[in-house]
Amino acid sequence: MRGPAAPRAPAYAKVMTRERQFFVRKSKFTLGRELLARPPMCDYAIGDDRTISRSHVEIEYERDERCFFVRVLGKNSIVVNTQVVTRGTRIPLREPANTLKIGNECVYFLLPRDASQQRNGKRRAAGKDKAHRDGSNHGSAGSGAGSGSAKEEIGEQGAAAEDRGMRG
């Protein structure tokens, strides 16, 4: 008989393709090509398209920057949102929903709502302080933190990304 299941670490982000989804529980991981009849050479296999390297991109959370960064390891470039990123280049993933075009696969990298709201809340708070010092009051609608779990919030952003037409 099995004992109680060990608690799972919280998800930092969610990676979605048309056919797969992964909850990211590491601060550094790789995405790449699925290898038939062999174990993958990456943390998350996103497809078997030959234009995707076995270990094509590395995504890592930088504590000092409080942001995820993507670095291209593969021979072929990728597109992050609308920016072409070539081999060896590293750029931040600052949006709550980022689209990565890797080979013929469209990959969504989604952050939990509370993480993106924290960053935006700090910007709003800084703007309110400045407005108060300047004597201006333009009013700003604040948004409360979501009450759902990180998984639910990530799922909502995936749906929002789909609604905005970010399909591959």
N, C-alpha and C. Protein backbone atom coordinates (compact mmCIF):
# COMPACT_ATOMS: atom_id res chain seq x y z
N MET A 1 0.83 -1.18 0.00
CA MET A 1 0.00 0.00 0.00
C MET A 1 0.87 1.24 0.00
N ARG A 2 0.52 2.22 -0.76
CA ARG A 2 1.28 3.46 -0.86
C ARG A 2 0.89 4.43 0.25
N GLY A 3 1.89 5.21 0.66
CA GLY A 3 1.64 6.26 1.63
C GLY A 3 1.07 7.49 0.95
N PRO A 4 0.84 8.55 1.71
CA PRO A 4 0.31 9.77 1.10
C PRO A 4 1.32 10.36 0.12
N ALA A 5 0.80 10.94 -0.93
CA ALA A 5 1.66 11.54 -1.96
C ALA A 5 2.39 12.75 -1.40
N ALA A 6 3.63 12.91 -1.81
CA ALA A 6 4.42 14.06 -1.38
C ALA A 6 3.84 15.32 -2.02
N PRO A 7 3.86 16.43 -1.31
CA PRO A 7 3.33 17.66 -1.90
C PRO A 7 4.19 18.09 -3.09
N ARG A 8 3.53 18.58 -4.12
CA ARG A 8 4.22 19.02 -5.32
C ARG A 8 4.66 20.46 -5.16
N ALA A 9 5.79 20.77 -5.75
CA ALA A 9 6.28 22.14 -5.73
C ALA A 9 5.35 23.01 -6.56
N PRO A 10 5.21 24.28 -6.20
CA PRO A 10 4.34 25.15 -6.99
C PRO A 10 4.91 25.37 -8.38
N ALA A 11 4.04 25.61 -9.33
CA ALA A 11 4.48 25.87 -10.70
C ALA A 11 4.90 27.32 -10.83
N TYR A 12 6.07 27.52 -11.44
CA TYR A 12 6.57 28.87 -11.71
C TYR A 12 5.93 29.45 -12.97
N ALA A 13 5.64 28.55 -13.92
CA ALA A 13 5.11 28.98 -15.21
C ALA A 13 4.47 27.76 -15.88
N LYS A 14 3.87 28.02 -17.03
CA LYS A 14 3.25 26.95 -17.80
C LYS A 14 3.75 27.07 -19.23
N VAL A 15 4.09 25.94 -19.83
CA VAL A 15 4.50 25.87 -21.23
C VAL A 15 3.43 25.07 -21.95
N MET A 16 2.90 25.64 -23.03
CA MET A 16 1.84 24.98 -23.78
C MET A 16 2.18 24.93 -25.27
N THR A 17 1.87 23.82 -25.89
CA THR A 17 1.87 23.72 -27.35
C THR A 17 0.47 23.29 -27.75
N ARG A 18 0.25 23.04 -29.03
CA ARG A 18 -1.08 22.59 -29.47
C ARG A 18 -1.47 21.27 -28.83
N GLU A 19 -0.48 20.41 -28.59
CA GLU A 19 -0.78 19.06 -28.12
C GLU A 19 -0.35 18.77 -26.69
N ARG A 20 0.46 19.65 -26.09
CA ARG A 20 1.03 19.34 -24.78
C ARG A 20 1.00 20.56 -23.87
N GLN A 21 1.09 20.29 -22.58
CA GLN A 21 1.27 21.37 -21.62
C GLN A 21 2.11 20.86 -20.46
N PHE A 22 2.96 21.73 -19.94
CA PHE A 22 3.85 21.37 -18.85
C PHE A 22 3.78 22.47 -17.80
N PHE A 23 3.72 22.09 -16.53
CA PHE A 23 3.83 23.05 -15.45
C PHE A 23 5.29 23.06 -15.03
N VAL A 24 5.92 24.21 -15.14
CA VAL A 24 7.35 24.35 -14.88
C VAL A 24 7.58 24.48 -13.38
N ARG A 25 8.37 23.56 -12.85
CA ARG A 25 8.68 23.57 -11.42
C ARG A 25 10.18 23.73 -11.17
N LYS A 26 10.92 24.15 -12.20
CA LYS A 26 12.36 24.40 -12.09
C LYS A 26 12.63 25.84 -12.47
N SER A 27 13.71 26.39 -11.96
CA SER A 27 14.05 27.77 -12.32
C SER A 27 14.87 27.81 -13.60
N LYS A 28 15.34 26.66 -14.07
CA LYS A 28 16.11 26.58 -15.32
C LYS A 28 15.75 25.28 -16.02
N PHE A 29 15.39 25.37 -17.31
CA PHE A 29 14.99 24.18 -18.05
C PHE A 29 15.21 24.39 -19.53
N THR A 30 15.16 23.30 -20.29
CA THR A 30 15.35 23.36 -21.74
C THR A 30 14.13 22.81 -22.46
N LEU A 31 13.91 23.34 -23.66
CA LEU A 31 12.88 22.85 -24.57
C LEU A 31 13.58 22.34 -25.81
N GLY A 32 13.10 21.25 -26.38
CA GLY A 32 13.73 20.72 -27.58
C GLY A 32 12.88 19.69 -28.28
N ARG A 33 13.54 18.96 -29.19
CA ARG A 33 12.86 18.00 -30.05
C ARG A 33 12.72 16.66 -29.34
N GLU A 34 11.59 16.04 -29.57
CA GLU A 34 11.33 14.69 -29.10
C GLU A 34 12.13 13.73 -29.97
N LEU A 35 12.80 12.79 -29.34
CA LEU A 35 13.57 11.79 -30.08
C LEU A 35 12.83 10.47 -30.03
N LEU A 36 12.55 9.92 -31.18
CA LEU A 36 11.85 8.64 -31.24
C LEU A 36 12.82 7.53 -30.85
N ALA A 37 12.37 6.62 -30.02
CA ALA A 37 13.12 5.45 -29.57
C ALA A 37 14.31 5.80 -28.66
N ARG A 38 14.41 7.05 -28.23
CA ARG A 38 15.47 7.44 -27.28
C ARG A 38 14.91 8.46 -26.31
N PRO A 39 15.48 8.56 -25.13
CA PRO A 39 15.04 9.60 -24.19
C PRO A 39 15.40 10.97 -24.74
N PRO A 40 14.58 11.99 -24.47
CA PRO A 40 14.88 13.34 -24.97
C PRO A 40 16.15 13.91 -24.31
N MET A 41 16.79 14.84 -24.99
CA MET A 41 17.98 15.51 -24.47
C MET A 41 17.62 16.88 -23.90
N CYS A 42 16.33 17.05 -23.56
CA CYS A 42 15.86 18.32 -23.02
C CYS A 42 14.90 18.00 -21.87
N ASP A 43 14.54 19.02 -21.12
CA ASP A 43 13.60 18.81 -20.02
C ASP A 43 12.18 18.61 -20.52
N TYR A 44 11.79 19.37 -21.56
CA TYR A 44 10.43 19.29 -22.09
C TYR A 44 10.51 19.18 -23.62
N ALA A 45 10.03 18.06 -24.15
CA ALA A 45 10.00 17.86 -25.60
C ALA A 45 8.74 18.53 -26.16
N ILE A 46 8.92 19.38 -27.16
CA ILE A 46 7.80 20.16 -27.68
C ILE A 46 7.32 19.68 -29.05
N GLY A 47 8.01 18.74 -29.67
CA GLY A 47 7.59 18.23 -30.96
C GLY A 47 8.72 17.45 -31.60
N ASP A 48 8.43 16.80 -32.73
CA ASP A 48 9.47 16.00 -33.39
C ASP A 48 9.93 16.61 -34.71
N ASP A 49 9.61 17.87 -34.94
CA ASP A 49 10.02 18.60 -36.15
C ASP A 49 11.55 18.68 -36.21
N ARG A 50 12.14 18.32 -37.33
CA ARG A 50 13.60 18.30 -37.48
C ARG A 50 14.23 19.69 -37.46
N THR A 51 13.44 20.76 -37.57
CA THR A 51 14.01 22.11 -37.45
C THR A 51 14.19 22.52 -36.00
N ILE A 52 13.72 21.68 -35.08
CA ILE A 52 13.92 21.91 -33.64
C ILE A 52 15.12 21.07 -33.20
N SER A 53 16.09 21.71 -32.58
CA SER A 53 17.26 20.99 -32.08
C SER A 53 16.85 20.12 -30.89
N ARG A 54 17.69 19.14 -30.58
CA ARG A 54 17.39 18.25 -29.45
C ARG A 54 17.31 19.02 -28.14
N SER A 55 18.09 20.07 -28.04
CA SER A 55 18.02 21.00 -26.90
C SER A 55 18.08 22.39 -27.51
N HIS A 56 16.91 22.96 -27.83
CA HIS A 56 16.85 24.17 -28.67
C HIS A 56 16.91 25.48 -27.89
N VAL A 57 16.19 25.58 -26.79
CA VAL A 57 16.21 26.82 -25.98
C VAL A 57 16.36 26.48 -24.51
N GLU A 58 16.96 27.42 -23.80
CA GLU A 58 17.06 27.33 -22.35
C GLU A 58 16.30 28.51 -21.77
N ILE A 59 15.47 28.25 -20.79
CA ILE A 59 14.73 29.31 -20.11
C ILE A 59 15.15 29.26 -18.64
N GLU A 60 15.54 30.41 -18.13
CA GLU A 60 16.05 30.47 -16.76
C GLU A 60 15.52 31.70 -16.05
N TYR A 61 15.17 31.52 -14.78
CA TYR A 61 14.71 32.63 -13.96
C TYR A 61 15.92 33.30 -13.33
N GLU A 62 16.02 34.62 -13.51
CA GLU A 62 17.10 35.41 -12.91
C GLU A 62 16.53 36.12 -11.70
N ARG A 63 17.02 35.76 -10.54
CA ARG A 63 16.51 36.34 -9.29
C ARG A 63 16.71 37.85 -9.22
N ASP A 64 17.90 38.32 -9.61
CA ASP A 64 18.20 39.76 -9.53
C ASP A 64 17.26 40.57 -10.41
N GLU A 65 16.93 40.03 -11.58
CA GLU A 65 16.05 40.72 -12.53
C GLU A 65 14.58 40.45 -12.25
N ARG A 66 14.31 39.40 -11.45
CA ARG A 66 12.94 38.96 -11.16
C ARG A 66 12.17 38.69 -12.45
N CYS A 67 12.83 37.94 -13.34
CA CYS A 67 12.28 37.72 -14.67
C CYS A 67 12.89 36.44 -15.26
N PHE A 68 12.13 35.77 -16.14
CA PHE A 68 12.66 34.65 -16.91
C PHE A 68 13.36 35.20 -18.15
N PHE A 69 14.42 34.51 -18.57
CA PHE A 69 15.14 34.84 -19.80
C PHE A 69 15.18 33.60 -20.68
N VAL A 70 15.13 33.80 -22.00
CA VAL A 70 15.25 32.69 -22.93
C VAL A 70 16.56 32.87 -23.70
N ARG A 71 17.27 31.76 -23.92
CA ARG A 71 18.51 31.77 -24.68
C ARG A 71 18.42 30.66 -25.72
N VAL A 72 18.79 31.00 -26.96
CA VAL A 72 18.73 30.03 -28.05
C VAL A 72 20.01 29.21 -28.04
N LEU A 73 19.85 27.89 -27.95
CA LEU A 73 20.97 26.96 -27.98
C LEU A 73 21.10 26.30 -29.35
N GLY A 74 19.98 26.18 -30.05
CA GLY A 74 19.93 25.46 -31.33
C GLY A 74 20.49 26.26 -32.48
N LYS A 75 20.67 25.57 -33.61
CA LYS A 75 21.20 26.18 -34.83
C LYS A 75 20.23 27.20 -35.42
N ASN A 76 18.94 26.88 -35.40
CA ASN A 76 17.94 27.76 -36.00
C ASN A 76 17.45 28.80 -35.01
N SER A 77 17.17 29.99 -35.52
CA SER A 77 16.66 31.06 -34.67
C SER A 77 15.22 30.76 -34.27
N ILE A 78 14.72 31.53 -33.30
CA ILE A 78 13.33 31.42 -32.87
C ILE A 78 12.72 32.82 -32.93
N VAL A 79 11.42 32.92 -32.77
CA VAL A 79 10.75 34.21 -32.69
C VAL A 79 10.05 34.24 -31.32
N VAL A 80 10.37 35.28 -30.55
CA VAL A 80 9.74 35.49 -29.24
C VAL A 80 8.83 36.69 -29.39
N ASN A 81 7.53 36.45 -29.26
CA ASN A 81 6.49 37.45 -29.54
C ASN A 81 6.70 37.92 -30.97
N THR A 82 7.33 39.03 -31.25
CA THR A 82 7.58 39.44 -32.64
C THR A 82 9.07 39.60 -32.93
N GLN A 83 9.93 39.27 -31.97
CA GLN A 83 11.36 39.51 -32.10
C GLN A 83 12.10 38.23 -32.49
N VAL A 84 12.91 38.32 -33.55
CA VAL A 84 13.74 37.19 -33.97
C VAL A 84 14.94 37.10 -33.02
N VAL A 85 15.19 35.89 -32.53
CA VAL A 85 16.29 35.67 -31.59
C VAL A 85 17.19 34.59 -32.17
N THR A 86 18.46 34.91 -32.33
CA THR A 86 19.41 33.98 -32.95
C THR A 86 20.21 33.22 -31.91
N ARG A 87 20.94 32.22 -32.38
CA ARG A 87 21.74 31.35 -31.51
C ARG A 87 22.66 32.17 -30.60
N GLY A 88 22.65 31.82 -29.32
CA GLY A 88 23.51 32.48 -28.34
C GLY A 88 22.91 33.74 -27.74
N THR A 89 21.84 34.26 -28.33
CA THR A 89 21.22 35.48 -27.84
C THR A 89 20.29 35.15 -26.67
N ARG A 90 20.24 36.05 -25.71
CA ARG A 90 19.43 35.86 -24.51
C ARG A 90 18.56 37.10 -24.32
N ILE A 91 17.24 36.90 -24.19
CA ILE A 91 16.33 38.04 -24.00
C ILE A 91 15.35 37.74 -22.87
N PRO A 92 14.80 38.80 -22.23
CA PRO A 92 13.84 38.58 -21.14
C PRO A 92 12.46 38.22 -21.66
N LEU A 93 11.73 37.46 -20.86
CA LEU A 93 10.32 37.14 -21.12
C LEU A 93 9.52 37.92 -20.09
N ARG A 94 9.20 39.15 -20.40
CA ARG A 94 8.58 40.05 -19.43
C ARG A 94 7.05 40.07 -19.50
N GLU A 95 6.48 39.57 -20.57
CA GLU A 95 5.03 39.58 -20.72
C GLU A 95 4.41 38.43 -19.93
N PRO A 96 3.16 38.58 -19.47
CA PRO A 96 2.50 37.46 -18.77
C PRO A 96 2.25 36.27 -19.70
N ALA A 97 2.08 36.52 -21.00
CA ALA A 97 1.90 35.46 -21.99
C ALA A 97 2.85 35.74 -23.15
N ASN A 98 3.85 34.88 -23.33
CA ASN A 98 4.84 35.03 -24.39
C ASN A 98 4.65 33.92 -25.41
N THR A 99 4.80 34.25 -26.69
CA THR A 99 4.70 33.27 -27.76
C THR A 99 6.10 33.02 -28.30
N LEU A 100 6.51 31.76 -28.33
CA LEU A 100 7.81 31.39 -28.88
C LEU A 100 7.56 30.50 -30.09
N LYS A 101 8.06 30.90 -31.23
CA LYS A 101 7.95 30.09 -32.45
C LYS A 101 9.28 29.36 -32.60
N ILE A 102 9.26 28.06 -32.34
CA ILE A 102 10.46 27.23 -32.39
C ILE A 102 10.24 26.20 -33.48
N GLY A 103 10.98 26.31 -34.56
CA GLY A 103 10.74 25.45 -35.71
C GLY A 103 9.33 25.70 -36.21
N ASN A 104 8.56 24.65 -36.40
CA ASN A 104 7.16 24.79 -36.81
C ASN A 104 6.20 24.74 -35.64
N GLU A 105 6.74 24.73 -34.42
CA GLU A 105 5.90 24.68 -33.22
C GLU A 105 5.71 26.06 -32.63
N CYS A 106 4.49 26.35 -32.23
CA CYS A 106 4.17 27.58 -31.51
C CYS A 106 4.05 27.19 -30.04
N VAL A 107 4.87 27.81 -29.19
CA VAL A 107 4.93 27.48 -27.78
C VAL A 107 4.52 28.71 -26.99
N TYR A 108 3.63 28.53 -26.03
CA TYR A 108 3.22 29.63 -25.16
C TYR A 108 3.91 29.47 -23.82
N PHE A 109 4.57 30.51 -23.37
CA PHE A 109 5.21 30.54 -22.05
C PHE A 109 4.39 31.49 -21.20
N LEU A 110 3.68 30.94 -20.23
CA LEU A 110 2.70 31.72 -19.46
C LEU A 110 3.12 31.83 -18.01
N LEU A 111 3.08 33.05 -17.49
CA LEU A 111 3.39 33.30 -16.09
C LEU A 111 2.10 33.35 -15.29
N PRO A 112 2.14 32.98 -14.01
CA PRO A 112 0.94 33.12 -13.19
C PRO A 112 0.53 34.57 -13.09
N ARG A 113 -0.75 34.82 -13.02
CA ARG A 113 -1.27 36.18 -12.97
C ARG A 113 -0.67 36.96 -11.80
N ASP A 114 -0.54 36.33 -10.63
CA ASP A 114 -0.05 37.07 -9.47
C ASP A 114 1.37 37.57 -9.67
N ALA A 115 2.23 36.84 -10.39
CA ALA A 115 3.60 37.29 -10.63
C ALA A 115 3.61 38.52 -11.54
N SER A 116 2.81 38.51 -12.60
CA SER A 116 2.79 39.67 -13.49
C SER A 116 2.09 40.85 -12.82
N GLN A 117 1.09 40.58 -11.98
CA GLN A 117 0.42 41.68 -11.27
C GLN A 117 1.34 42.32 -10.26
N GLN A 118 2.22 41.52 -9.63
CA GLN A 118 3.17 42.10 -8.69
C GLN A 118 4.07 43.10 -9.39
N ARG A 119 4.59 42.72 -10.57
CA ARG A 119 5.46 43.64 -11.32
C ARG A 119 4.68 44.88 -11.72
N ASN A 120 3.47 44.70 -12.25
CA ASN A 120 2.67 45.84 -12.68
C ASN A 120 2.21 46.68 -11.49
N GLY A 121 1.92 46.03 -10.36
CA GLY A 121 1.51 46.75 -9.15
C GLY A 121 2.61 47.66 -8.66
N LYS A 122 3.86 47.22 -8.74
CA LYS A 122 4.98 48.06 -8.32
C LYS A 122 5.10 49.27 -9.23
N ARG A 123 4.89 49.06 -10.52
CA ARG A 123 4.93 50.20 -11.46
C ARG A 123 3.81 51.18 -11.15
N ARG A 124 2.59 50.63 -10.88
CA ARG A 124 1.45 51.50 -10.55
C ARG A 124 1.72 52.27 -9.27
N ALA A 125 2.26 51.59 -8.27
CA ALA A 125 2.54 52.25 -6.99
C ALA A 125 3.56 53.36 -7.18
N ALA A 126 4.58 53.12 -7.99
CA ALA A 126 5.58 54.16 -8.26
C ALA A 126 4.94 55.34 -8.96
N GLY A 127 4.01 55.07 -9.88
CA GLY A 127 3.31 56.15 -10.59
C GLY A 127 2.43 56.95 -9.66
N LYS A 128 1.76 56.27 -8.70
CA LYS A 128 0.91 56.97 -7.74
C LYS A 128 1.74 57.87 -6.84
N ASP A 129 2.92 57.38 -6.39
CA ASP A 129 3.80 58.20 -5.56
C ASP A 129 4.23 59.44 -6.31
N LYS A 130 4.59 59.28 -7.58
CA LYS A 130 5.02 60.41 -8.38
C LYS A 130 3.87 61.41 -8.56
N ALA A 131 2.67 60.89 -8.84
CA ALA A 131 1.51 61.77 -9.02
C ALA A 131 1.21 62.52 -7.73
N HIS A 132 1.37 61.85 -6.59
CA HIS A 132 1.12 62.50 -5.30
C HIS A 132 2.14 63.61 -5.07
N ARG A 133 3.41 63.35 -5.39
CA ARG A 133 4.46 64.37 -5.22
C ARG A 133 4.22 65.55 -6.15
N ASP A 134 3.75 65.26 -7.37
CA ASP A 134 3.52 66.32 -8.35
C ASP A 134 2.23 67.08 -8.09
N GLY A 135 1.38 66.55 -7.21
CA GLY A 135 0.11 67.19 -6.91
C GLY A 135 -0.97 66.87 -7.92
N SER A 136 -0.68 65.94 -8.83
CA SER A 136 -1.70 65.57 -9.81
C SER A 136 -2.40 64.31 -9.35
N ASN A 137 -3.64 64.15 -9.75
CA ASN A 137 -4.38 62.95 -9.41
C ASN A 137 -5.17 62.53 -10.63
N HIS A 138 -4.58 61.60 -11.36
CA HIS A 138 -5.23 61.14 -12.58
C HIS A 138 -6.09 59.92 -12.34
N GLY A 139 -6.06 59.39 -11.12
CA GLY A 139 -6.86 58.20 -10.81
C GLY A 139 -6.39 57.01 -11.60
N SER A 140 -6.30 55.91 -10.94
CA SER A 140 -5.88 54.72 -11.62
C SER A 140 -6.68 53.56 -11.06
N ALA A 141 -7.19 52.77 -11.95
CA ALA A 141 -7.96 51.61 -11.51
C ALA A 141 -7.01 50.51 -11.14
N GLY A 142 -7.06 50.09 -9.91
CA GLY A 142 -6.20 48.98 -9.48
C GLY A 142 -6.91 47.68 -9.72
N SER A 143 -6.12 46.65 -9.79
CA SER A 143 -6.73 45.32 -9.93
C SER A 143 -6.28 44.49 -8.78
N GLY A 144 -7.19 43.82 -8.17
CA GLY A 144 -6.87 42.98 -7.02
C GLY A 144 -6.18 41.72 -7.48
N ALA A 145 -5.46 41.10 -6.58
CA ALA A 145 -4.80 39.84 -6.90
C ALA A 145 -5.86 38.78 -7.11
N GLY A 146 -5.57 37.87 -8.03
CA GLY A 146 -6.52 36.81 -8.31
C GLY A 146 -6.69 35.90 -7.11
N SER A 147 -7.85 35.34 -6.94
CA SER A 147 -8.10 34.47 -5.81
C SER A 147 -7.90 33.01 -6.17
N GLY A 148 -7.72 32.71 -7.47
CA GLY A 148 -7.56 31.32 -7.89
C GLY A 148 -6.15 30.83 -7.67
N SER A 149 -5.94 29.54 -7.90
CA SER A 149 -4.61 28.96 -7.76
C SER A 149 -3.74 29.39 -8.93
N ALA A 150 -2.44 29.18 -8.79
CA ALA A 150 -1.51 29.53 -9.86
C ALA A 150 -1.88 28.76 -11.13
N LYS A 151 -2.26 27.49 -10.98
CA LYS A 151 -2.63 26.70 -12.15
C LYS A 151 -3.84 27.30 -12.86
N GLU A 152 -4.85 27.73 -12.10
CA GLU A 152 -6.04 28.32 -12.72
C GLU A 152 -5.68 29.63 -13.41
N GLU A 153 -4.85 30.43 -12.76
CA GLU A 153 -4.48 31.72 -13.34
C GLU A 153 -3.66 31.53 -14.60
N ILE A 154 -2.74 30.55 -14.61
CA ILE A 154 -1.97 30.26 -15.81
C ILE A 154 -2.91 29.80 -16.91
N GLY A 155 -3.88 28.95 -16.57
CA GLY A 155 -4.84 28.46 -17.56
C GLY A 155 -5.65 29.59 -18.17
N GLU A 156 -6.05 30.57 -17.36
CA GLU A 156 -6.80 31.72 -17.88
C GLU A 156 -5.95 32.50 -18.87
N GLN A 157 -4.67 32.66 -18.59
CA GLN A 157 -3.82 33.40 -19.51
C GLN A 157 -3.62 32.64 -20.81
N GLY A 158 -3.58 31.30 -20.72
CA GLY A 158 -3.49 30.51 -21.94
C GLY A 158 -4.71 30.75 -22.81
N ALA A 159 -5.89 30.80 -22.19
CA ALA A 159 -7.11 31.06 -22.94
C ALA A 159 -7.08 32.47 -23.52
N ALA A 160 -6.56 33.43 -22.75
CA ALA A 160 -6.46 34.81 -23.24
C ALA A 160 -5.51 34.88 -24.42
N ALA A 161 -4.41 34.13 -24.37
CA ALA A 161 -3.46 34.12 -25.48
C ALA A 161 -4.14 33.56 -26.73
N GLU A 162 -4.91 32.50 -26.56
CA GLU A 162 -5.64 31.91 -27.68
C GLU A 162 -6.65 32.91 -28.24
N ASP A 163 -7.36 33.64 -27.35
CA ASP A 163 -8.36 34.61 -27.78
C ASP A 163 -7.73 35.73 -28.59
N ARG A 164 -6.48 36.08 -28.29
CA ARG A 164 -5.82 37.16 -29.01
C ARG A 164 -5.26 36.69 -30.34
N GLY A 165 -5.53 35.44 -30.71
CA GLY A 165 -5.11 34.94 -32.01
C GLY A 165 -3.65 34.56 -32.06
N MET A 166 -3.07 34.12 -30.95
CA MET A 166 -1.66 33.78 -30.91
C MET A 166 -1.48 32.29 -31.22
N ARG A 167 -2.08 31.83 -32.27
CA ARG A 167 -1.97 30.42 -32.65
C ARG A 167 -0.83 30.26 -33.64
N GLY A 168 -0.29 29.02 -33.70
CA GLY A 168 0.87 28.72 -34.55
C GLY A 168 0.50 28.44 -35.95
